[in-house]
Amino acid sequence: MVVSRTRARAIGPTTLRHVWLAGLGVVAVSQREIFAAPARVAVRAGAWQAAALRLADAARNRVRDEVLPQVAGFGAQIEARLAPVLGTFGLTHLGSQSRKGTGKTRRPQARRTSSRPTKKSATRRR
């Protein structure tokens, strides 16, 4: 079987109707894009939030792994340097002293309710 071809028609001049239909198409496409824009922004914001969380987690891990041991080392150095000075004043290592207990703890007593005089209602003057 032979498939017959149809000839393309020659396009005529642009009319007002063509301009009107093109304008409607532009309005429809722009409306669709306006409604889709917040969803795209939300996706981008989610990606930015995830990136910010990853950066914060990396910084937290770096502080925990690198900075905290150095701070502990500085604390030990300071304690070692201050030990002779504290010894000359007769002070011992303050961190090793335990607090003395205050003795028995008292249970709070129940509050007594005081009997208040009843309010007298105002009498009307004549």
N, C-alpha and C. Protein backbone atom coordinates (compact mmCIF):
# COMPACT_ATOMS: atom_id res chain seq x y z
N MET A 1 0.82 -1.17 0.00
CA MET A 1 0.00 0.00 0.00
C MET A 1 0.86 1.23 0.00
N VAL A 2 0.40 2.13 -0.69
CA VAL A 2 1.13 3.38 -0.82
C VAL A 2 0.43 4.42 0.05
N VAL A 3 1.25 5.08 0.87
CA VAL A 3 0.71 6.11 1.75
C VAL A 3 0.78 7.42 1.00
N SER A 4 -0.35 8.07 0.94
CA SER A 4 -0.36 9.34 0.22
C SER A 4 0.07 10.46 1.15
N ARG A 5 0.80 11.38 0.60
CA ARG A 5 1.27 12.51 1.37
C ARG A 5 0.33 13.68 1.15
N THR A 6 0.12 14.41 2.22
CA THR A 6 -0.67 15.62 2.08
C THR A 6 0.27 16.79 2.03
N ARG A 7 -0.07 17.73 1.21
CA ARG A 7 0.79 18.90 1.10
C ARG A 7 0.49 19.87 2.23
N ALA A 8 1.55 20.50 2.74
CA ALA A 8 1.39 21.51 3.77
C ALA A 8 0.79 22.75 3.13
N ARG A 9 -0.16 23.32 3.85
CA ARG A 9 -0.79 24.53 3.32
C ARG A 9 0.13 25.73 3.52
N ALA A 10 0.01 26.63 2.70
CA ALA A 10 0.78 27.86 2.84
C ALA A 10 0.19 28.67 3.98
N ILE A 11 1.07 29.20 4.84
CA ILE A 11 0.62 29.97 5.99
C ILE A 11 0.28 31.37 5.51
N GLY A 12 -0.91 31.78 5.91
CA GLY A 12 -1.37 33.10 5.49
C GLY A 12 -0.84 34.18 6.41
N PRO A 13 -1.25 35.37 6.19
CA PRO A 13 -0.79 36.50 7.01
C PRO A 13 -1.32 36.38 8.45
N THR A 14 -0.58 36.96 9.41
CA THR A 14 -0.96 36.92 10.83
C THR A 14 -2.15 37.84 11.03
N THR A 15 -3.14 37.28 11.67
CA THR A 15 -4.35 38.05 11.92
C THR A 15 -4.46 38.37 13.41
N LEU A 16 -5.46 39.15 13.72
CA LEU A 16 -5.71 39.52 15.11
C LEU A 16 -6.04 38.28 15.95
N ARG A 17 -6.68 37.33 15.33
CA ARG A 17 -7.01 36.08 16.04
C ARG A 17 -5.75 35.35 16.45
N HIS A 18 -4.74 35.31 15.58
CA HIS A 18 -3.48 34.66 15.91
C HIS A 18 -2.81 35.35 17.10
N VAL A 19 -2.81 36.65 17.12
CA VAL A 19 -2.21 37.42 18.22
C VAL A 19 -2.95 37.12 19.52
N TRP A 20 -4.29 37.08 19.45
CA TRP A 20 -5.11 36.79 20.63
C TRP A 20 -4.79 35.39 21.18
N LEU A 21 -4.71 34.39 20.33
CA LEU A 21 -4.42 33.04 20.78
C LEU A 21 -3.00 32.92 21.36
N ALA A 22 -2.05 33.62 20.76
CA ALA A 22 -0.69 33.62 21.29
C ALA A 22 -0.65 34.27 22.68
N GLY A 23 -1.42 35.34 22.85
CA GLY A 23 -1.50 36.00 24.16
C GLY A 23 -2.11 35.08 25.21
N LEU A 24 -3.15 34.35 24.85
CA LEU A 24 -3.74 33.39 25.78
C LEU A 24 -2.74 32.30 26.17
N GLY A 25 -1.96 31.87 25.20
CA GLY A 25 -0.93 30.86 25.48
C GLY A 25 0.11 31.39 26.45
N VAL A 26 0.51 32.65 26.26
CA VAL A 26 1.50 33.26 27.16
C VAL A 26 0.94 33.36 28.57
N VAL A 27 -0.33 33.74 28.70
CA VAL A 27 -0.96 33.85 30.02
C VAL A 27 -1.03 32.47 30.69
N ALA A 28 -1.39 31.45 29.94
CA ALA A 28 -1.49 30.10 30.51
C ALA A 28 -0.14 29.59 30.98
N VAL A 29 0.89 29.80 30.16
CA VAL A 29 2.22 29.34 30.53
C VAL A 29 2.74 30.11 31.74
N SER A 30 2.54 31.43 31.77
CA SER A 30 3.04 32.22 32.89
C SER A 30 2.30 31.86 34.18
N GLN A 31 1.01 31.57 34.10
CA GLN A 31 0.26 31.16 35.28
C GLN A 31 0.78 29.83 35.82
N ARG A 32 1.06 28.90 34.93
CA ARG A 32 1.60 27.61 35.34
C ARG A 32 2.96 27.78 36.00
N GLU A 33 3.79 28.66 35.44
CA GLU A 33 5.11 28.90 36.01
C GLU A 33 5.01 29.59 37.37
N ILE A 34 4.05 30.50 37.52
CA ILE A 34 3.88 31.19 38.80
C ILE A 34 3.50 30.20 39.89
N PHE A 35 2.64 29.25 39.58
CA PHE A 35 2.24 28.26 40.58
C PHE A 35 3.34 27.24 40.85
N ALA A 36 4.23 27.01 39.91
CA ALA A 36 5.31 26.04 40.10
C ALA A 36 6.53 26.66 40.77
N ALA A 37 6.65 27.98 40.76
CA ALA A 37 7.84 28.65 41.30
C ALA A 37 8.03 28.39 42.80
N PRO A 38 7.01 28.48 43.65
CA PRO A 38 7.25 28.22 45.07
C PRO A 38 7.75 26.80 45.34
N ALA A 39 7.29 25.84 44.58
CA ALA A 39 7.76 24.47 44.77
C ALA A 39 9.25 24.37 44.42
N ARG A 40 9.67 25.05 43.36
CA ARG A 40 11.08 25.04 42.99
C ARG A 40 11.93 25.73 44.04
N VAL A 41 11.41 26.84 44.58
CA VAL A 41 12.14 27.55 45.63
C VAL A 41 12.25 26.68 46.88
N ALA A 42 11.19 25.96 47.21
CA ALA A 42 11.21 25.08 48.39
C ALA A 42 12.25 23.97 48.21
N VAL A 43 12.35 23.44 47.02
CA VAL A 43 13.35 22.40 46.76
C VAL A 43 14.75 22.97 46.92
N ARG A 44 14.97 24.16 46.38
CA ARG A 44 16.29 24.79 46.52
C ARG A 44 16.58 25.10 47.98
N ALA A 45 15.57 25.60 48.71
CA ALA A 45 15.78 25.92 50.13
C ALA A 45 16.10 24.65 50.91
N GLY A 46 15.43 23.57 50.58
CA GLY A 46 15.74 22.30 51.24
C GLY A 46 17.15 21.85 50.97
N ALA A 47 17.61 22.04 49.74
CA ALA A 47 18.98 21.68 49.40
C ALA A 47 19.97 22.56 50.15
N TRP A 48 19.68 23.85 50.25
CA TRP A 48 20.56 24.77 50.98
C TRP A 48 20.57 24.42 52.47
N GLN A 49 19.41 24.06 53.00
CA GLN A 49 19.34 23.69 54.41
C GLN A 49 20.16 22.42 54.66
N ALA A 50 20.05 21.47 53.75
CA ALA A 50 20.83 20.24 53.91
C ALA A 50 22.33 20.54 53.84
N ALA A 51 22.73 21.42 52.93
CA ALA A 51 24.15 21.79 52.83
C ALA A 51 24.61 22.50 54.10
N ALA A 52 23.77 23.39 54.64
CA ALA A 52 24.13 24.08 55.88
C ALA A 52 24.25 23.10 57.04
N LEU A 53 23.36 22.13 57.11
CA LEU A 53 23.44 21.12 58.17
C LEU A 53 24.69 20.27 58.04
N ARG A 54 25.07 19.94 56.79
CA ARG A 54 26.30 19.18 56.59
C ARG A 54 27.52 19.98 57.04
N LEU A 55 27.55 21.28 56.70
CA LEU A 55 28.67 22.13 57.10
C LEU A 55 28.74 22.26 58.62
N ALA A 56 27.58 22.44 59.26
CA ALA A 56 27.56 22.56 60.72
C ALA A 56 28.01 21.26 61.38
N ASP A 57 27.61 20.14 60.83
CA ASP A 57 28.01 18.85 61.38
C ASP A 57 29.52 18.64 61.22
N ALA A 58 30.04 19.04 60.08
CA ALA A 58 31.48 18.92 59.85
C ALA A 58 32.25 19.81 60.82
N ALA A 59 31.75 21.03 61.05
CA ALA A 59 32.42 21.93 61.99
C ALA A 59 32.36 21.38 63.41
N ARG A 60 31.21 20.82 63.79
CA ARG A 60 31.06 20.23 65.13
C ARG A 60 32.03 19.06 65.30
N ASN A 61 32.14 18.22 64.28
CA ASN A 61 33.06 17.09 64.35
C ASN A 61 34.51 17.56 64.45
N ARG A 62 34.83 18.62 63.71
CA ARG A 62 36.20 19.15 63.76
C ARG A 62 36.52 19.69 65.14
N VAL A 63 35.56 20.40 65.73
CA VAL A 63 35.79 20.93 67.08
C VAL A 63 35.98 19.78 68.06
N ARG A 64 35.13 18.77 67.95
CA ARG A 64 35.21 17.65 68.87
C ARG A 64 36.52 16.89 68.69
N ASP A 65 36.95 16.68 67.46
CA ASP A 65 38.12 15.84 67.20
C ASP A 65 39.44 16.58 67.33
N GLU A 66 39.48 17.87 66.98
CA GLU A 66 40.75 18.58 66.95
C GLU A 66 40.91 19.61 68.06
N VAL A 67 39.89 20.37 68.32
CA VAL A 67 40.04 21.51 69.22
C VAL A 67 39.94 21.08 70.68
N LEU A 68 38.99 20.23 71.03
CA LEU A 68 38.82 19.85 72.43
C LEU A 68 40.05 19.17 73.02
N PRO A 69 40.73 18.27 72.31
CA PRO A 69 41.96 17.72 72.90
C PRO A 69 43.04 18.78 73.13
N GLN A 70 43.12 19.76 72.24
CA GLN A 70 44.10 20.83 72.43
C GLN A 70 43.75 21.68 73.64
N VAL A 71 42.44 21.94 73.83
CA VAL A 71 42.02 22.72 75.00
C VAL A 71 42.34 21.96 76.28
N ALA A 72 42.11 20.65 76.28
CA ALA A 72 42.45 19.85 77.45
C ALA A 72 43.96 19.89 77.71
N GLY A 73 44.76 19.86 76.65
CA GLY A 73 46.21 19.95 76.80
C GLY A 73 46.63 21.29 77.37
N PHE A 74 46.00 22.38 76.91
CA PHE A 74 46.30 23.71 77.45
C PHE A 74 45.95 23.77 78.93
N GLY A 75 44.82 23.16 79.30
CA GLY A 75 44.41 23.15 80.71
C GLY A 75 45.43 22.43 81.57
N ALA A 76 45.94 21.31 81.07
CA ALA A 76 46.96 20.57 81.83
C ALA A 76 48.24 21.38 81.96
N GLN A 77 48.63 22.10 80.91
CA GLN A 77 49.83 22.94 80.97
C GLN A 77 49.66 24.06 81.98
N ILE A 78 48.48 24.68 81.98
CA ILE A 78 48.23 25.78 82.91
C ILE A 78 48.26 25.26 84.35
N GLU A 79 47.64 24.10 84.60
CA GLU A 79 47.66 23.53 85.95
C GLU A 79 49.09 23.21 86.39
N ALA A 80 49.89 22.70 85.46
CA ALA A 80 51.27 22.38 85.80
C ALA A 80 52.07 23.63 86.13
N ARG A 81 51.81 24.71 85.43
CA ARG A 81 52.53 25.96 85.69
C ARG A 81 52.05 26.66 86.96
N LEU A 82 50.77 26.49 87.28
CA LEU A 82 50.23 27.14 88.47
C LEU A 82 50.47 26.35 89.75
N ALA A 83 50.80 25.07 89.66
CA ALA A 83 50.99 24.23 90.84
C ALA A 83 52.05 24.80 91.79
N PRO A 84 53.24 25.24 91.31
CA PRO A 84 54.23 25.81 92.25
C PRO A 84 53.74 27.09 92.91
N VAL A 85 53.01 27.92 92.16
CA VAL A 85 52.51 29.18 92.71
C VAL A 85 51.48 28.89 93.79
N LEU A 86 50.59 27.96 93.52
CA LEU A 86 49.57 27.61 94.52
C LEU A 86 50.23 26.96 95.73
N GLY A 87 51.30 26.22 95.53
CA GLY A 87 52.02 25.60 96.64
C GLY A 87 52.65 26.63 97.55
N THR A 88 53.16 27.74 96.98
CA THR A 88 53.78 28.77 97.81
C THR A 88 52.75 29.48 98.68
N PHE A 89 51.51 29.55 98.23
CA PHE A 89 50.47 30.18 99.03
C PHE A 89 49.77 29.19 99.95
N GLY A 90 50.17 27.97 99.89
CA GLY A 90 49.58 26.97 100.76
C GLY A 90 48.28 26.41 100.23
N LEU A 91 48.00 26.66 98.99
CA LEU A 91 46.76 26.13 98.40
C LEU A 91 47.08 24.84 97.69
N THR A 92 46.24 23.87 97.88
CA THR A 92 46.44 22.62 97.17
C THR A 92 45.65 22.66 95.88
N HIS A 93 45.74 21.61 95.17
CA HIS A 93 45.01 21.51 93.90
C HIS A 93 43.52 21.63 94.18
N LEU A 94 42.90 22.71 93.72
CA LEU A 94 41.51 23.00 94.08
C LEU A 94 40.53 22.02 93.45
N GLY A 95 40.87 21.43 92.35
CA GLY A 95 39.94 20.54 91.67
C GLY A 95 39.75 19.22 92.39
N SER A 96 40.77 18.82 93.20
CA SER A 96 40.68 17.53 93.85
C SER A 96 39.97 17.60 95.19
N GLN A 97 39.71 18.79 95.71
CA GLN A 97 39.03 18.90 96.99
C GLN A 97 37.56 18.57 96.82
N SER A 98 37.06 17.81 97.77
CA SER A 98 35.64 17.49 97.71
C SER A 98 34.89 18.42 98.63
N ARG A 99 33.69 18.67 98.33
CA ARG A 99 32.87 19.55 99.15
C ARG A 99 32.41 18.79 100.38
N LYS A 100 32.40 19.50 101.47
CA LYS A 100 31.93 18.88 102.70
C LYS A 100 30.41 18.92 102.71
N GLY A 101 29.84 17.89 103.22
CA GLY A 101 28.39 17.84 103.31
C GLY A 101 27.89 18.80 104.38
N THR A 102 26.67 19.23 104.27
CA THR A 102 26.10 20.16 105.24
C THR A 102 25.41 19.43 106.36
N GLY A 103 25.53 18.13 106.39
CA GLY A 103 24.89 17.38 107.46
C GLY A 103 23.55 16.85 106.98
N LYS A 104 22.67 16.66 107.95
CA LYS A 104 21.36 16.13 107.59
C LYS A 104 20.56 17.19 106.84
N THR A 105 19.85 16.74 105.87
CA THR A 105 18.98 17.67 105.17
C THR A 105 17.63 17.67 105.85
N ARG A 106 17.10 18.81 106.02
CA ARG A 106 15.82 18.92 106.69
C ARG A 106 14.71 18.86 105.67
N ARG A 107 13.66 18.19 106.08
CA ARG A 107 12.48 18.15 105.22
C ARG A 107 11.71 19.45 105.44
N PRO A 108 11.18 20.02 104.39
CA PRO A 108 10.43 21.26 104.59
C PRO A 108 9.16 20.98 105.38
N GLN A 109 8.90 21.87 106.32
CA GLN A 109 7.71 21.71 107.14
C GLN A 109 6.50 22.19 106.37
N ALA A 110 5.37 21.63 106.74
CA ALA A 110 4.13 22.05 106.10
C ALA A 110 3.81 23.47 106.53
N ARG A 111 3.30 24.24 105.65
CA ARG A 111 2.97 25.63 105.96
C ARG A 111 1.66 25.67 106.72
N ARG A 112 1.67 26.49 107.71
CA ARG A 112 0.46 26.64 108.50
C ARG A 112 -0.41 27.70 107.86
N THR A 113 -1.66 27.42 107.84
CA THR A 113 -2.59 28.42 107.32
C THR A 113 -3.07 29.26 108.48
N SER A 114 -2.88 30.53 108.37
CA SER A 114 -3.31 31.40 109.46
C SER A 114 -4.79 31.72 109.27
N SER A 115 -5.46 31.81 110.39
CA SER A 115 -6.89 32.13 110.29
C SER A 115 -7.01 33.64 110.16
N ARG A 116 -7.49 34.04 109.05
CA ARG A 116 -7.65 35.46 108.80
C ARG A 116 -9.06 35.87 109.21
N PRO A 117 -9.19 37.09 109.67
CA PRO A 117 -10.55 37.52 110.02
C PRO A 117 -11.39 37.63 108.75
N THR A 118 -12.65 37.29 108.87
CA THR A 118 -13.52 37.35 107.71
C THR A 118 -13.80 38.79 107.35
N LYS A 119 -13.97 39.02 106.09
CA LYS A 119 -14.24 40.38 105.63
C LYS A 119 -15.67 40.75 105.96
N LYS A 120 -15.80 41.95 106.40
CA LYS A 120 -17.16 42.45 106.72
C LYS A 120 -17.67 43.16 105.49
N SER A 121 -18.90 42.89 105.18
CA SER A 121 -19.46 43.55 104.01
C SER A 121 -19.80 44.98 104.36
N ALA A 122 -19.62 45.85 103.43
CA ALA A 122 -19.88 47.27 103.69
C ALA A 122 -21.38 47.49 103.79
N THR A 123 -21.75 48.30 104.76
CA THR A 123 -23.16 48.64 104.92
C THR A 123 -23.43 49.94 104.22
N ARG A 124 -24.62 50.08 103.79
CA ARG A 124 -24.98 51.27 103.04
C ARG A 124 -25.34 52.39 103.99
N ARG A 125 -24.79 53.56 103.75
CA ARG A 125 -25.07 54.72 104.59
C ARG A 125 -26.36 55.37 104.15
N ARG A 126 -27.01 55.91 105.13
CA ARG A 126 -28.24 56.62 104.81
C ARG A 126 -28.08 58.09 104.92
